[in-house]
Amino acid sequence: MNEVIKCLESRRSIRKYKEKMIPKEKLDIIVKAGTYAPSGMNRQSPIILVVTNKEVRDKLAKLNAKVMGNNDADPFYGAPVVLVVLADKNSPTAIYDGSLVMGNLMNAAYSLGIGSCWIHRAKEVFASDEGKEILMSLGIEGDYEGIGNCILGYPLEEKEASPRKENYVFYVE
């Protein structure tokens, strides 16, 4: 089977991670793959925040948990890296563009032996005053909406794909 197809069919969302940090060389490959996701009219409306700083990672986790309503949780499941995808609200395809970036990030990570999971609530976190302050502190200007948090790390365990549902595909010939 083609390696790309095998990767697409095998990747699963991981929710248990080792503490080991991902080498920068691998992170750079993953992030670069994200930047090559398709976007509406090639506007490239998304941006990616690569968070490896534990203090910032933990702050984002706390903000995410607050939105979730469980301040004691780690919504990032112990993953040492968070790739936050945001997109320019002024682009009519911002949500779709950012979603395609998320898919590329997760598939690229899997191809390198790194686990990932899409964690929601980026929209709410970066709509908050605290989220806006984080962007300002990083020198990021613009009207961005949080699309998703792509957590990355080395998986503690492997997962198998669930069977695909019946009637997933309808052919119109």
Protein backbone atom coordinates (compact mmCIF):
# COMPACT_ATOMS: atom_id res chain seq x y z
CA MET A 1 0.00 0.00 0.00
CA ASN A 2 1.13 3.57 -0.67
CA GLU A 3 2.85 5.02 2.45
CA VAL A 4 0.74 8.19 2.46
CA ILE A 5 -2.52 6.20 2.32
CA LYS A 6 -1.25 3.86 5.04
CA CYS A 7 -0.48 6.88 7.24
CA LEU A 8 -3.93 8.39 6.65
CA GLU A 9 -5.64 5.11 7.54
CA SER A 10 -3.47 4.38 10.61
CA ARG A 11 -3.23 7.71 12.46
CA ARG A 12 -5.27 7.86 15.66
CA SER A 13 -5.79 10.53 18.30
CA ILE A 14 -3.46 9.94 21.24
CA ARG A 15 -4.37 10.90 24.80
CA LYS A 16 -1.39 9.49 26.78
CA TYR A 17 2.12 10.83 26.23
CA LYS A 18 5.67 10.35 27.40
CA GLU A 19 7.37 13.41 28.90
CA LYS A 20 10.13 13.29 26.26
CA MET A 21 10.39 16.47 24.19
CA ILE A 22 10.22 16.24 20.40
CA PRO A 23 13.47 17.32 18.69
CA LYS A 24 13.28 20.71 16.97
CA GLU A 25 14.22 19.13 13.63
CA LYS A 26 11.09 16.96 13.71
CA LEU A 27 8.91 19.85 14.89
CA ASP A 28 10.15 21.95 11.99
CA ILE A 29 9.18 19.22 9.52
CA ILE A 30 5.69 18.92 11.04
CA VAL A 31 5.11 22.66 11.09
CA LYS A 32 6.35 23.05 7.52
CA ALA A 33 3.84 20.38 6.42
CA GLY A 34 1.12 22.45 8.11
CA THR A 35 2.08 25.50 6.08
CA TYR A 36 1.49 23.55 2.86
CA ALA A 37 -2.17 22.81 3.61
CA PRO A 38 -4.56 24.07 0.96
CA SER A 39 -6.27 27.38 1.65
CA GLY A 40 -9.05 29.30 -0.05
CA MET A 41 -7.64 31.20 -3.01
CA ASN A 42 -4.19 30.52 -1.50
CA ARG A 43 -4.81 33.31 1.04
CA GLN A 44 -2.91 31.30 3.68
CA SER A 45 -5.06 32.81 6.43
CA PRO A 46 -3.81 30.53 9.26
CA ILE A 47 -0.84 31.01 11.55
CA ILE A 48 0.75 28.39 13.80
CA LEU A 49 2.07 29.00 17.32
CA VAL A 50 4.67 26.38 18.23
CA VAL A 51 4.59 26.12 22.02
CA THR A 52 7.40 24.11 23.60
CA ASN A 53 7.88 26.39 26.62
CA LYS A 54 6.37 24.48 29.56
CA GLU A 55 5.22 27.62 31.36
CA VAL A 56 3.30 28.88 28.31
CA ARG A 57 2.02 25.36 27.55
CA ASP A 58 0.69 25.07 31.10
CA LYS A 59 -0.91 28.53 30.91
CA LEU A 60 -2.72 27.53 27.70
CA ALA A 61 -3.81 24.27 29.36
CA LYS A 62 -5.26 26.20 32.32
CA LEU A 63 -7.15 28.58 30.04
CA ASN A 64 -8.47 25.63 28.02
CA ALA A 65 -9.53 23.80 31.18
CA LYS A 66 -11.30 26.93 32.41
CA VAL A 67 -13.37 27.05 29.20
CA MET A 68 -14.05 23.33 29.61
CA GLY A 69 -15.31 23.96 33.16
CA ASN A 70 -12.77 21.68 34.85
CA ASN A 71 -9.90 23.72 36.28
CA ASP A 72 -8.13 20.60 37.59
CA ALA A 73 -7.86 18.88 34.20
CA ASP A 74 -4.97 18.86 31.75
CA PRO A 75 -6.85 19.05 28.45
CA PHE A 76 -3.52 18.51 26.68
CA TYR A 77 -3.10 15.05 28.26
CA GLY A 78 0.51 15.65 29.28
CA ALA A 79 1.72 16.29 25.72
CA PRO A 80 4.87 18.43 25.84
CA VAL A 81 4.13 20.39 22.63
CA VAL A 82 1.08 22.39 21.57
CA LEU A 83 0.70 23.74 18.05
CA VAL A 84 -2.03 26.37 18.16
CA VAL A 85 -3.65 27.06 14.81
CA LEU A 86 -5.37 30.40 14.41
CA ALA A 87 -6.77 31.96 11.25
CA ASP A 88 -7.56 35.47 10.07
CA LYS A 89 -11.25 36.12 10.82
CA ASN A 90 -11.47 38.36 7.76
CA SER A 91 -10.92 35.45 5.40
CA PRO A 92 -14.19 33.79 4.37
CA THR A 93 -12.47 30.39 4.44
CA ALA A 94 -10.57 30.86 7.72
CA ILE A 95 -12.12 27.92 9.61
CA TYR A 96 -11.68 25.55 6.67
CA ASP A 97 -8.13 26.72 6.04
CA GLY A 98 -7.18 26.23 9.68
CA SER A 99 -8.85 22.82 9.76
CA LEU A 100 -6.77 21.69 6.79
CA VAL A 101 -3.62 22.89 8.58
CA MET A 102 -4.63 20.82 11.62
CA GLY A 103 -5.03 17.72 9.43
CA ASN A 104 -1.63 18.22 7.82
CA LEU A 105 0.02 18.69 11.23
CA MET A 106 -1.49 15.49 12.66
CA ASN A 107 -0.67 13.37 9.61
CA ALA A 108 2.88 14.71 9.34
CA ALA A 109 3.43 14.00 13.04
CA TYR A 110 2.22 10.43 12.68
CA SER A 111 4.51 9.86 9.71
CA LEU A 112 7.44 10.72 12.03
CA GLY A 113 6.32 8.44 14.88
CA ILE A 114 4.81 11.27 16.92
CA GLY A 115 1.32 11.14 18.42
CA SER A 116 -1.20 13.94 18.14
CA CYS A 117 -4.72 14.94 19.04
CA TRP A 118 -6.94 17.86 18.07
CA ILE A 119 -8.01 19.69 21.22
CA HIS A 120 -10.89 22.14 20.88
CA ARG A 121 -11.59 25.39 22.71
CA ALA A 122 -8.86 27.42 20.97
CA LYS A 123 -11.62 29.71 19.71
CA GLU A 124 -12.78 30.53 23.24
CA VAL A 125 -9.26 30.77 24.68
CA PHE A 126 -8.07 33.29 22.08
CA ALA A 127 -11.32 35.28 22.21
CA SER A 128 -10.63 35.85 25.93
CA ASP A 129 -8.64 38.77 27.29
CA GLU A 130 -5.94 36.35 28.49
CA GLY A 131 -5.66 34.76 25.05
CA LYS A 132 -5.46 38.14 23.34
CA GLU A 133 -2.73 39.15 25.81
CA ILE A 134 -0.71 36.06 24.89
CA LEU A 135 -0.89 36.97 21.20
CA MET A 136 0.05 40.59 21.92
CA SER A 137 2.99 39.47 24.09
CA LEU A 138 4.25 37.45 21.12
CA GLY A 139 3.94 40.43 18.79
CA ILE A 140 1.09 38.83 16.83
CA GLU A 141 -1.22 41.47 15.44
CA GLY A 142 -4.41 40.94 13.52
CA ASP A 143 -7.90 39.63 13.98
CA TYR A 144 -7.29 35.91 14.60
CA GLU A 145 -9.70 33.20 15.64
CA GLY A 146 -8.50 30.04 17.37
CA ILE A 147 -9.15 26.99 15.20
CA GLY A 148 -7.58 24.19 17.23
CA ASN A 149 -4.76 22.99 19.45
CA CYS A 150 -2.69 20.19 17.95
CA ILE A 151 -0.98 18.47 20.86
CA LEU A 152 2.13 16.45 20.07
CA GLY A 153 4.26 13.94 21.90
CA TYR A 154 5.56 10.40 21.91
CA PRO A 155 2.66 8.02 22.54
CA LEU A 156 2.58 5.84 25.65
CA GLU A 157 0.49 3.28 23.76
CA GLU A 158 -0.62 2.48 20.24
CA LYS A 159 -4.25 2.60 19.16
CA GLU A 160 -6.08 0.66 16.47
CA ALA A 161 -8.65 2.22 14.19
CA SER A 162 -12.28 1.58 14.97
CA PRO A 163 -14.24 -0.11 12.21
CA ARG A 164 -15.68 2.39 9.76
CA LYS A 165 -19.43 2.92 10.03
CA GLU A 166 -21.86 1.52 7.50
CA ASN A 167 -23.16 3.92 4.88
CA TYR A 168 -20.13 6.19 5.24
CA VAL A 169 -19.84 6.60 1.47
CA PHE A 170 -22.49 6.95 -1.20
CA TYR A 171 -21.49 6.71 -4.85
CA VAL A 172 -23.42 8.68 -7.42
CA GLU A 173 -22.49 7.21 -10.79
